Amino acid sequence: MAKNFMMNSISKLEDIKTEIDKVEKKDEELFKVEYIHIDDIIPNVKNFYSIRDKEVEEVANSILENGLFHNLLVRKLENGKYELISGEKRYTAHKRLIEQGYKKYSLLPCQIKILNDVDAEIALIEANACTRPLTDAEKVTQAKRLIELYTEKKNNGEKINMRETISEKLNLKPTQAQRYMSIANKLITELVSLLDTGELSISSASEFATLSEENQKVLYQAIKEREDKLEITKQEANDLKNKYKELEEEKNIIEKKYQNKIEQLEKDNKEKECELKKATDNINEKIDKVKEEMKGKTKKELDEFLEEIESLEYERKALEDKYKEITEEHQKELEKIKEEQIEIVSKANADAKIKAENIIRNFEEEQKKIKEENKAIKLENERLKKELENKNIDESEKKAIYEVKTKLDTVRSDVIRITTLIKNIPLDEKMTKDFDVLKRLFDTLESTLKIHGK
């Protein structure tokens, strides 16, 4: 018994040692570094990140002074070469040093990973997300590509929480990752390009991504055609989005109305077809029954049966003719509705395009007015400040006058903004009352100013 216990203990110890060896081997592979000749390393064609010449020069100088601090990450290809996954800047810096005559930098320390094409590209994106500052446009491109790669993995049977996985790979909070994923999926390429130039903020891009492709193109044209930069705050982007959404809803209602008509007509036609089939089947059953009853009958009786069959067949033919007539009428009506639909929807699209262009045009006009107003306010404030300095007025009065002037300027800007906004919206009863109250307040203000002026 003691012998068996000893043997079992030895066996368990050997199993533990085997597991430890596996872990150690895995760790060794994980941290193992090999020196690979630079000619055997191939740059990654899927690396879409830009590298500035100045950055390469800085890395090259750092390598000359201090050596290379971080290894490159590569994977071995079937042809014996190695594909670069992480370290494009370091690789390019080594290339430059070799071209300058520093041949000792031909061997690069590399960590070798065993990865398939999909996982290699994911590793490439993850490495860049963690090691370099990225533009919003690059983050959107990353998110778009990761969605495609992880969709491929899901199609191959892997269970993946898309948002959590992408947020982890891009080193973002889940809510941030969701924003970039939404933009990647829905924002048109032209607007994504404006992220890179700074002509569009990420918050505005997030709002505009929910719009139709047509309205996104209208926005893009408006932004690109301006000589000066169109500055859009998050709230303004939200307001623009809501106006465009209303347009899209109007167009959808028209399209849905005609689609419902078409579906109802097709449904009616289907019901008529079912009714005919049911009636025809009923007649066929009667004919079969009569034929069965004809067996063993006299000639006179047979003549009667034949008359009944002829009558039933006539009835069936009448039903079929009626159905054909109804079907032709339905088809004509269907074609008419479809023609109307094409015409009305085409007009709705044209109207929507004009309205969409007007929305952005009105917004631009409002921006221009506000800009001019702010400029005028600034000049007026400077004039008032100088005027107050030259007058014999105590500080409390100066402060009061300046405060009133500032408030008036704010009210004036708000009035311009509201006037522009109400041009594009129908006024309900409450809003009409609010404007009446506001008008009375302005009348009171005007009277006060007249008295004060005297």
Protein backbone atom coordinates (compact mmCIF):
# COMPACT_ATOMS: atom_id res chain seq x y z
CA MET A 1 0.00 0.00 0.00
CA ALA A 2 2.85 2.34 0.89
CA LYS A 3 4.49 1.44 -2.39
CA ASN A 4 1.32 2.35 -4.37
CA PHE A 5 1.03 5.65 -2.51
CA MET A 6 4.66 6.43 -3.37
CA MET A 7 4.12 5.58 -7.06
CA ASN A 8 0.99 7.76 -7.23
CA SER A 9 2.83 10.65 -5.60
CA ILE A 10 5.71 10.36 -8.07
CA SER A 11 3.24 10.25 -10.97
CA LYS A 12 1.47 13.39 -9.73
CA LEU A 13 4.79 15.19 -9.29
CA GLU A 14 5.77 14.29 -12.84
CA ASP A 15 2.43 15.65 -14.13
CA ILE A 16 2.99 18.90 -12.22
CA LYS A 17 6.53 19.14 -13.63
CA THR A 18 5.17 18.62 -17.16
CA GLU A 19 2.65 21.45 -16.70
CA ILE A 20 5.36 23.74 -15.30
CA ASP A 21 7.59 22.92 -18.28
CA LYS A 22 4.72 23.82 -20.64
CA VAL A 23 4.19 27.19 -18.92
CA GLU A 24 7.93 27.92 -18.91
CA LYS A 25 8.17 27.00 -22.59
CA LYS A 26 5.21 29.26 -23.37
CA ASP A 27 6.82 32.13 -21.42
CA GLU A 28 10.11 31.47 -23.17
CA GLU A 29 8.40 31.66 -26.58
CA LEU A 30 6.58 34.80 -25.47
CA PHE A 31 9.75 36.66 -24.51
CA LYS A 32 12.16 34.98 -26.91
CA VAL A 33 13.99 37.48 -29.12
CA GLU A 34 15.81 36.66 -32.36
CA TYR A 35 18.04 38.91 -34.44
CA ILE A 36 16.75 39.01 -38.02
CA HIS A 37 18.44 40.63 -41.01
CA ILE A 38 16.54 43.69 -42.19
CA ASP A 39 16.37 42.33 -45.76
CA ASP A 40 14.32 39.39 -44.44
CA ILE A 41 11.72 41.69 -42.91
CA ILE A 42 8.85 42.84 -45.12
CA PRO A 43 6.85 46.00 -44.27
CA ASN A 44 3.17 45.32 -43.66
CA VAL A 45 1.06 46.32 -46.70
CA LYS A 46 -1.98 46.63 -44.41
CA ASN A 47 -0.34 49.32 -42.31
CA PHE A 48 -2.36 52.44 -43.19
CA TYR A 49 -0.73 54.69 -40.56
CA SER A 50 1.28 57.68 -41.72
CA ILE A 51 4.87 58.27 -40.59
CA ARG A 52 6.40 61.72 -40.74
CA ASP A 53 9.98 62.06 -41.93
CA LYS A 54 10.83 64.12 -38.85
CA GLU A 55 9.70 61.26 -36.57
CA VAL A 56 11.88 58.75 -38.43
CA GLU A 57 14.85 61.11 -38.14
CA GLU A 58 14.32 61.46 -34.37
CA VAL A 59 14.15 57.66 -33.91
CA ALA A 60 17.28 57.19 -36.05
CA ASN A 61 19.20 59.72 -33.94
CA SER A 62 17.98 58.02 -30.74
CA ILE A 63 19.18 54.63 -32.02
CA LEU A 64 22.60 56.12 -32.84
CA GLU A 65 22.93 57.61 -29.36
CA ASN A 66 21.26 55.01 -27.14
CA GLY A 67 20.56 51.91 -29.23
CA LEU A 68 17.14 50.34 -29.80
CA PHE A 69 14.99 50.21 -26.65
CA HIS A 70 12.09 48.12 -28.00
CA ASN A 71 12.04 44.96 -30.10
CA LEU A 72 10.08 44.68 -33.32
CA LEU A 73 7.10 42.32 -33.54
CA VAL A 74 7.00 40.06 -36.61
CA ARG A 75 5.43 36.85 -37.89
CA LYS A 76 7.09 34.23 -40.09
CA LEU A 77 5.73 33.77 -43.60
CA GLU A 78 5.70 30.60 -45.71
CA ASN A 79 8.48 31.95 -47.98
CA GLY A 80 10.85 32.22 -45.01
CA LYS A 81 10.56 36.00 -44.75
CA TYR A 82 9.10 37.88 -41.77
CA GLU A 83 6.17 40.30 -41.93
CA LEU A 84 6.34 43.38 -39.72
CA ILE A 85 3.47 43.72 -37.23
CA SER A 86 4.74 46.42 -34.87
CA GLY A 87 7.75 48.72 -35.26
CA GLU A 88 7.32 50.40 -38.68
CA LYS A 89 9.01 53.60 -37.48
CA ARG A 90 11.95 51.71 -35.94
CA TYR A 91 12.29 49.56 -39.07
CA THR A 92 12.32 52.67 -41.31
CA ALA A 93 14.88 54.37 -39.02
CA HIS A 94 17.19 51.32 -39.30
CA LYS A 95 16.80 51.39 -43.09
CA ARG A 96 17.86 55.03 -43.11
CA LEU A 97 20.89 54.38 -40.89
CA ILE A 98 22.02 51.53 -43.18
CA GLU A 99 21.67 53.82 -46.21
CA GLN A 100 23.89 56.31 -44.35
CA GLY A 101 26.58 53.63 -44.01
CA TYR A 102 25.83 52.21 -40.54
CA LYS A 103 25.83 48.55 -41.61
CA LYS A 104 25.91 47.29 -37.99
CA TYR A 105 22.21 48.08 -37.75
CA SER A 106 21.33 45.42 -40.35
CA LEU A 107 20.27 42.95 -37.64
CA LEU A 108 17.10 43.82 -35.74
CA PRO A 109 15.92 42.27 -32.46
CA CYS A 110 12.48 40.77 -33.10
CA GLN A 111 9.84 38.88 -31.18
CA ILE A 112 8.30 36.27 -33.49
CA LYS A 113 4.57 35.56 -33.26
CA ILE A 114 2.68 32.67 -34.84
CA LEU A 115 -0.42 34.34 -36.27
CA ASN A 116 -2.83 33.84 -39.16
CA ASP A 117 -3.68 36.72 -41.51
CA VAL A 118 -6.68 37.93 -39.49
CA ASP A 119 -4.98 37.83 -36.08
CA ALA A 120 -1.84 39.42 -37.54
CA GLU A 121 -3.84 42.42 -38.76
CA ILE A 122 -5.64 42.69 -35.41
CA ALA A 123 -2.24 42.68 -33.66
CA LEU A 124 -1.03 45.39 -36.07
CA ILE A 125 -4.01 47.64 -35.26
CA GLU A 126 -3.75 46.99 -31.51
CA ALA A 127 -0.02 47.78 -31.47
CA ASN A 128 -0.54 51.11 -33.24
CA ALA A 129 -3.50 52.00 -31.02
CA CYS A 130 -1.32 51.59 -27.93
CA THR A 131 1.99 53.05 -29.13
CA ARG A 132 1.25 56.17 -31.16
CA PRO A 133 -1.04 59.23 -31.05
CA LEU A 134 -3.83 58.79 -33.59
CA THR A 135 -6.15 61.18 -35.38
CA ASP A 136 -9.91 60.70 -35.14
CA ALA A 137 -9.94 59.63 -38.79
CA GLU A 138 -7.36 56.90 -38.04
CA LYS A 139 -9.42 55.70 -35.06
CA VAL A 140 -12.49 55.46 -37.30
CA THR A 141 -10.46 53.50 -39.88
CA GLN A 142 -9.22 51.20 -37.11
CA ALA A 143 -12.75 50.59 -35.83
CA LYS A 144 -14.06 49.89 -39.34
CA ARG A 145 -11.34 47.36 -40.06
CA LEU A 146 -11.68 45.65 -36.66
CA ILE A 147 -15.43 45.28 -37.23
CA GLU A 148 -14.67 43.52 -40.54
CA LEU A 149 -11.98 41.29 -39.00
CA TYR A 150 -14.02 40.26 -35.95
CA THR A 151 -17.09 39.68 -38.13
CA GLU A 152 -14.96 37.21 -40.10
CA LYS A 153 -13.93 35.50 -36.85
CA LYS A 154 -17.58 35.35 -35.70
CA ASN A 155 -18.58 33.80 -39.03
CA ASN A 156 -15.97 31.12 -38.33
CA GLY A 157 -17.73 30.23 -35.08
CA GLU A 158 -15.90 32.36 -32.49
CA LYS A 159 -18.02 34.04 -29.80
CA ILE A 160 -17.13 37.73 -29.66
CA ASN A 161 -18.63 40.75 -27.89
CA MET A 162 -17.87 43.27 -30.62
CA ARG A 163 -18.03 46.49 -28.58
CA GLU A 164 -16.05 45.22 -25.59
CA THR A 165 -13.40 43.54 -27.75
CA ILE A 166 -12.87 46.58 -29.97
CA SER A 167 -12.77 48.96 -26.99
CA GLU A 168 -10.06 46.76 -25.47
CA LYS A 169 -8.01 46.57 -28.68
CA LEU A 170 -8.23 50.32 -29.31
CA ASN A 171 -7.60 51.20 -25.66
CA LEU A 172 -10.90 53.11 -25.45
CA LYS A 173 -13.87 53.15 -23.10
CA PRO A 174 -16.79 51.04 -24.42
CA THR A 175 -18.90 54.18 -25.03
CA GLN A 176 -16.05 55.77 -27.00
CA ALA A 177 -15.55 52.58 -28.98
CA GLN A 178 -19.28 52.50 -29.79
CA ARG A 179 -19.09 56.07 -31.10
CA TYR A 180 -16.19 55.23 -33.44
CA MET A 181 -17.91 52.00 -34.52
CA SER A 182 -21.10 53.90 -35.36
CA ILE A 183 -19.17 56.47 -37.38
CA ALA A 184 -17.18 53.71 -39.12
CA ASN A 185 -20.39 51.92 -40.13
CA LYS A 186 -22.55 54.88 -41.18
CA LEU A 187 -20.53 58.03 -41.96
CA ILE A 188 -19.73 58.51 -45.67
CA THR A 189 -16.05 58.38 -46.66
CA GLU A 190 -16.02 62.05 -47.69
CA LEU A 191 -17.04 63.22 -44.21
CA VAL A 192 -14.56 60.83 -42.57
CA SER A 193 -11.81 62.56 -44.59
CA LEU A 194 -12.85 65.90 -43.01
CA LEU A 195 -12.02 64.47 -39.58
CA ASP A 196 -8.41 64.20 -40.68
CA THR A 197 -8.26 67.81 -41.90
CA GLY A 198 -9.95 69.15 -38.77
CA GLU A 199 -12.92 70.48 -40.75
CA LEU A 200 -15.27 68.18 -38.82
CA SER A 201 -15.21 67.32 -35.11
CA ILE A 202 -15.78 63.80 -33.81
CA SER A 203 -18.93 64.92 -31.96
CA SER A 204 -20.41 66.40 -35.17
CA ALA A 205 -19.41 63.26 -37.09
CA SER A 206 -21.26 61.17 -34.51
CA GLU A 207 -24.44 63.24 -35.04
CA PHE A 208 -24.22 63.25 -38.84
CA ALA A 209 -23.58 59.48 -39.01
CA THR A 210 -27.27 58.89 -38.25
CA LEU A 211 -28.39 60.77 -41.38
CA SER A 212 -29.11 59.34 -44.83
CA GLU A 213 -26.28 59.18 -47.35
CA GLU A 214 -27.95 61.91 -49.45
CA ASN A 215 -28.10 64.39 -46.56
CA GLN A 216 -24.54 63.56 -45.53
CA LYS A 217 -23.44 64.47 -49.06
CA VAL A 218 -25.30 67.81 -48.83
CA LEU A 219 -23.44 68.56 -45.60
CA TYR A 220 -20.11 67.55 -47.12
CA GLN A 221 -20.59 69.85 -50.12
CA ALA A 222 -21.56 72.74 -47.85
CA ILE A 223 -18.46 72.29 -45.71
CA LYS A 224 -16.07 71.84 -48.66
CA GLU A 225 -17.41 74.77 -50.71
CA ARG A 226 -16.81 77.32 -47.95
CA GLU A 227 -13.74 79.49 -48.17
CA ASP A 228 -13.50 79.76 -44.40
CA LYS A 229 -13.96 76.94 -41.90
CA LEU A 230 -17.55 76.10 -40.95
CA GLU A 231 -17.45 75.84 -37.17
CA ILE A 232 -20.18 73.58 -35.80
CA THR A 233 -20.68 73.06 -32.06
CA LYS A 234 -22.05 69.80 -30.69
CA GLN A 235 -25.46 71.42 -30.04
CA GLU A 236 -25.57 72.93 -33.53
CA ALA A 237 -24.67 69.56 -35.04
CA ASN A 238 -27.51 68.02 -33.05
CA ASP A 239 -29.93 70.73 -34.26
CA LEU A 240 -28.87 70.19 -37.88
CA LYS A 241 -29.24 66.44 -37.49
CA ASN A 242 -32.77 66.81 -36.10
CA LYS A 243 -33.83 69.06 -39.00
CA TYR A 244 -32.47 66.58 -41.52
CA LYS A 245 -34.16 63.74 -39.64
CA GLU A 246 -37.50 65.55 -39.98
CA LEU A 247 -36.93 65.79 -43.74
CA GLU A 248 -36.12 62.10 -43.94
CA GLU A 249 -39.24 61.27 -41.94
CA GLU A 250 -41.41 63.34 -44.32
CA LYS A 251 -39.94 61.49 -47.29
CA ASN A 252 -40.36 58.11 -45.57
CA ILE A 253 -44.05 58.85 -44.86
CA ILE A 254 -44.68 59.51 -48.57
CA GLU A 255 -42.79 56.37 -49.61
CA LYS A 256 -44.56 54.28 -46.98
CA LYS A 257 -47.99 55.57 -48.07
CA TYR A 258 -47.49 54.28 -51.61
CA GLN A 259 -45.81 51.11 -50.42
CA ASN A 260 -48.86 50.40 -48.24
CA LYS A 261 -51.14 50.91 -51.26
CA ILE A 262 -49.08 48.47 -53.31
CA GLU A 263 -49.01 45.89 -50.51
CA GLN A 264 -52.79 46.20 -49.98
CA LEU A 265 -53.47 45.73 -53.70
CA GLU A 266 -51.20 42.68 -53.82
CA LYS A 267 -52.92 41.32 -50.71
CA ASP A 268 -56.38 41.81 -52.31
CA ASN A 269 -55.18 40.06 -55.45
CA LYS A 270 -53.87 37.16 -53.38
CA GLU A 271 -57.20 36.87 -51.54
CA LYS A 272 -59.09 36.82 -54.85
CA GLU A 273 -56.74 34.13 -56.10
CA CYS A 274 -57.42 32.04 -52.98
CA GLU A 275 -61.17 32.54 -53.39
CA LEU A 276 -60.99 31.40 -57.02
CA LYS A 277 -58.92 28.36 -56.12
CA LYS A 278 -61.35 27.42 -53.39
CA ALA A 279 -64.38 27.84 -55.71
CA THR A 280 -62.63 25.99 -58.56
CA ASP A 281 -61.62 23.14 -56.25
CA ASN A 282 -65.23 22.92 -55.10
CA ILE A 283 -66.47 22.67 -58.71
CA ASN A 284 -63.79 20.08 -59.56
CA GLU A 285 -64.90 17.99 -56.59
CA LYS A 286 -68.50 18.16 -57.84
CA ILE A 287 -67.41 17.11 -61.35
CA ASP A 288 -65.42 14.18 -59.93
CA LYS A 289 -68.40 13.18 -57.82
CA VAL A 290 -70.72 13.30 -60.85
CA LYS A 291 -68.27 11.22 -62.91
CA GLU A 292 -68.16 8.64 -60.10
CA GLU A 293 -71.97 8.49 -60.02
CA MET A 294 -72.08 7.95 -63.82
CA LYS A 295 -70.64 4.46 -63.53
CA GLY A 296 -73.23 1.79 -64.41
CA LYS A 297 -75.90 4.32 -65.43
CA THR A 298 -78.23 4.15 -68.46
CA LYS A 299 -77.74 6.31 -71.55
CA LYS A 300 -80.56 8.64 -70.50
CA GLU A 301 -79.10 9.04 -67.03
CA LEU A 302 -75.66 9.62 -68.53
CA ASP A 303 -77.02 12.46 -70.67
CA GLU A 304 -78.34 14.15 -67.53
CA PHE A 305 -74.97 13.75 -65.80
CA LEU A 306 -73.16 15.13 -68.83
CA GLU A 307 -75.42 18.18 -68.79
CA GLU A 308 -74.56 18.71 -65.11
CA ILE A 309 -70.84 18.36 -65.84
CA GLU A 310 -71.15 20.82 -68.73
CA SER A 311 -72.94 23.28 -66.44
CA LEU A 312 -70.24 22.95 -63.78
CA GLU A 313 -67.47 23.41 -66.34
CA TYR A 314 -69.24 26.52 -67.64
CA GLU A 315 -69.42 27.84 -64.08
CA ARG A 316 -65.71 27.13 -63.61
CA LYS A 317 -64.85 28.90 -66.88
CA ALA A 318 -66.91 31.93 -65.81
CA LEU A 319 -65.00 32.07 -62.51
CA GLU A 320 -61.66 31.86 -64.29
CA ASP A 321 -62.67 34.62 -66.74
CA LYS A 322 -63.84 36.79 -63.85
CA TYR A 323 -60.56 36.23 -62.01
CA LYS A 324 -58.61 37.07 -65.16
CA GLU A 325 -60.58 40.30 -65.54
CA ILE A 326 -60.03 41.26 -61.88
CA THR A 327 -56.32 40.38 -62.13
CA GLU A 328 -55.90 42.58 -65.21
CA GLU A 329 -57.67 45.45 -63.44
CA HIS A 330 -55.45 44.98 -60.38
CA GLN A 331 -52.36 44.90 -62.57
CA LYS A 332 -53.36 48.15 -64.30
CA GLU A 333 -54.07 49.78 -60.95
CA LEU A 334 -50.78 48.47 -59.57
CA GLU A 335 -48.83 49.90 -62.50
CA LYS A 336 -50.65 53.21 -62.11
CA ILE A 337 -49.81 53.37 -58.39
CA LYS A 338 -46.18 52.48 -59.10
CA GLU A 339 -45.96 55.23 -61.72
CA GLU A 340 -47.48 57.68 -59.23
CA GLN A 341 -45.06 56.43 -56.59
CA ILE A 342 -42.05 57.01 -58.84
CA GLU A 343 -43.29 60.51 -59.71
CA ILE A 344 -44.24 61.52 -56.16
CA VAL A 345 -41.15 60.00 -54.53
CA SER A 346 -38.94 61.60 -57.17
CA LYS A 347 -40.56 64.97 -56.42
CA ALA A 348 -40.24 64.32 -52.67
CA ASN A 349 -36.54 63.55 -53.14
CA ALA A 350 -36.05 66.74 -55.16
CA ASP A 351 -37.96 68.80 -52.56
CA ALA A 352 -36.01 67.15 -49.75
CA LYS A 353 -32.74 67.98 -51.48
CA ILE A 354 -33.75 71.64 -51.84
CA LYS A 355 -34.89 71.77 -48.20
CA ALA A 356 -31.67 70.05 -47.09
CA GLU A 357 -29.60 72.62 -48.97
CA ASN A 358 -31.72 75.41 -47.47
CA ILE A 359 -31.13 74.06 -43.97
CA ILE A 360 -27.35 74.25 -44.32
CA ARG A 361 -27.62 77.59 -46.20
CA ASN A 362 -29.71 79.10 -43.40
CA PHE A 363 -27.25 77.71 -40.88
CA GLU A 364 -24.37 79.32 -42.76
CA GLU A 365 -26.24 82.65 -42.94
CA GLU A 366 -26.92 82.45 -39.22
CA GLN A 367 -23.24 81.71 -38.56
CA LYS A 368 -22.26 84.67 -40.73
CA LYS A 369 -24.70 87.00 -38.92
CA ILE A 370 -23.51 85.84 -35.51
CA LYS A 371 -19.89 86.30 -36.57
CA GLU A 372 -20.59 89.83 -37.84
CA GLU A 373 -22.66 90.57 -34.75
CA ASN A 374 -19.88 89.38 -32.44
CA LYS A 375 -17.40 91.53 -34.32
CA ALA A 376 -19.71 94.55 -33.99
CA ILE A 377 -20.25 93.80 -30.29
CA LYS A 378 -16.50 93.63 -29.73
CA LEU A 379 -15.96 97.00 -31.43
CA GLU A 380 -18.89 98.53 -29.54
CA ASN A 381 -17.56 97.22 -26.22
CA GLU A 382 -14.15 98.71 -26.94
CA ARG A 383 -15.79 102.04 -27.87
CA LEU A 384 -17.97 101.99 -24.73
CA LYS A 385 -14.99 101.15 -22.55
CA LYS A 386 -13.04 104.14 -23.90
CA GLU A 387 -16.08 106.40 -23.57
CA LEU A 388 -16.62 105.41 -19.94
CA GLU A 389 -12.96 105.94 -19.16
CA ASN A 390 -13.17 109.50 -20.51
CA LYS A 391 -16.37 110.37 -18.58
CA ASN A 392 -16.54 111.35 -14.94
CA ILE A 393 -18.52 108.30 -13.79
CA ASP A 394 -17.82 106.27 -10.66
CA GLU A 395 -16.88 102.59 -10.88
CA SER A 396 -20.28 101.24 -9.77
CA GLU A 397 -22.05 103.18 -12.55
CA LYS A 398 -19.45 102.06 -15.07
CA LYS A 399 -20.01 98.46 -14.02
CA ALA A 400 -23.80 98.81 -14.25
CA ILE A 401 -23.66 100.45 -17.70
CA TYR A 402 -21.23 97.83 -18.98
CA GLU A 403 -23.38 95.00 -17.58
CA VAL A 404 -26.55 96.38 -19.24
CA LYS A 405 -24.68 96.79 -22.53
CA THR A 406 -23.37 93.22 -22.36
CA LYS A 407 -26.84 91.85 -21.61
CA LEU A 408 -28.31 93.82 -24.51
CA ASP A 409 -25.67 92.42 -26.83
CA THR A 410 -26.51 88.89 -25.69
CA VAL A 411 -30.24 89.50 -26.21
CA ARG A 412 -29.55 90.92 -29.66
CA SER A 413 -27.55 87.82 -30.66
CA ASP A 414 -30.27 85.54 -29.29
CA VAL A 415 -32.97 87.42 -31.22
CA ILE A 416 -31.01 87.01 -34.47
CA ARG A 417 -30.59 83.31 -33.77
CA ILE A 418 -34.27 82.75 -32.87
CA THR A 419 -35.44 84.73 -35.92
CA THR A 420 -33.39 82.46 -38.17
CA LEU A 421 -34.62 79.29 -36.46
CA ILE A 422 -38.35 80.08 -36.59
CA LYS A 423 -38.19 80.53 -40.36
CA ASN A 424 -37.91 76.74 -40.70
CA ILE A 425 -40.47 75.54 -38.15
CA PRO A 426 -44.27 75.71 -37.77
CA LEU A 427 -45.39 77.66 -34.67
CA ASP A 428 -47.76 75.95 -32.26
CA GLU A 429 -50.19 77.79 -29.96
CA LYS A 430 -47.82 77.88 -26.97
CA MET A 431 -44.92 79.23 -29.01
CA THR A 432 -47.19 81.94 -30.50
CA LYS A 433 -48.20 83.02 -26.96
CA ASP A 434 -44.54 83.02 -25.87
CA PHE A 435 -43.64 85.28 -28.79
CA ASP A 436 -46.54 87.64 -27.93
CA VAL A 437 -45.24 87.91 -24.36
CA LEU A 438 -41.74 88.53 -25.68
CA LYS A 439 -43.05 91.24 -28.02
CA ARG A 440 -44.76 93.04 -25.11
CA LEU A 441 -41.52 92.88 -23.13
CA PHE A 442 -39.64 94.43 -26.05
CA ASP A 443 -42.31 97.17 -26.30
CA THR A 444 -41.81 97.89 -22.58
CA LEU A 445 -38.05 97.97 -23.10
CA GLU A 446 -38.44 100.37 -26.02
CA SER A 447 -40.64 102.72 -23.92
CA THR A 448 -38.13 102.62 -21.07
CA LEU A 449 -35.28 103.44 -23.43
CA LYS A 450 -37.22 106.41 -24.87
CA ILE A 451 -37.91 107.80 -21.38
CA HIS A 452 -34.29 107.15 -20.34
CA GLY A 453 -33.09 108.90 -23.50
CA LYS A 454 -35.09 112.01 -22.66
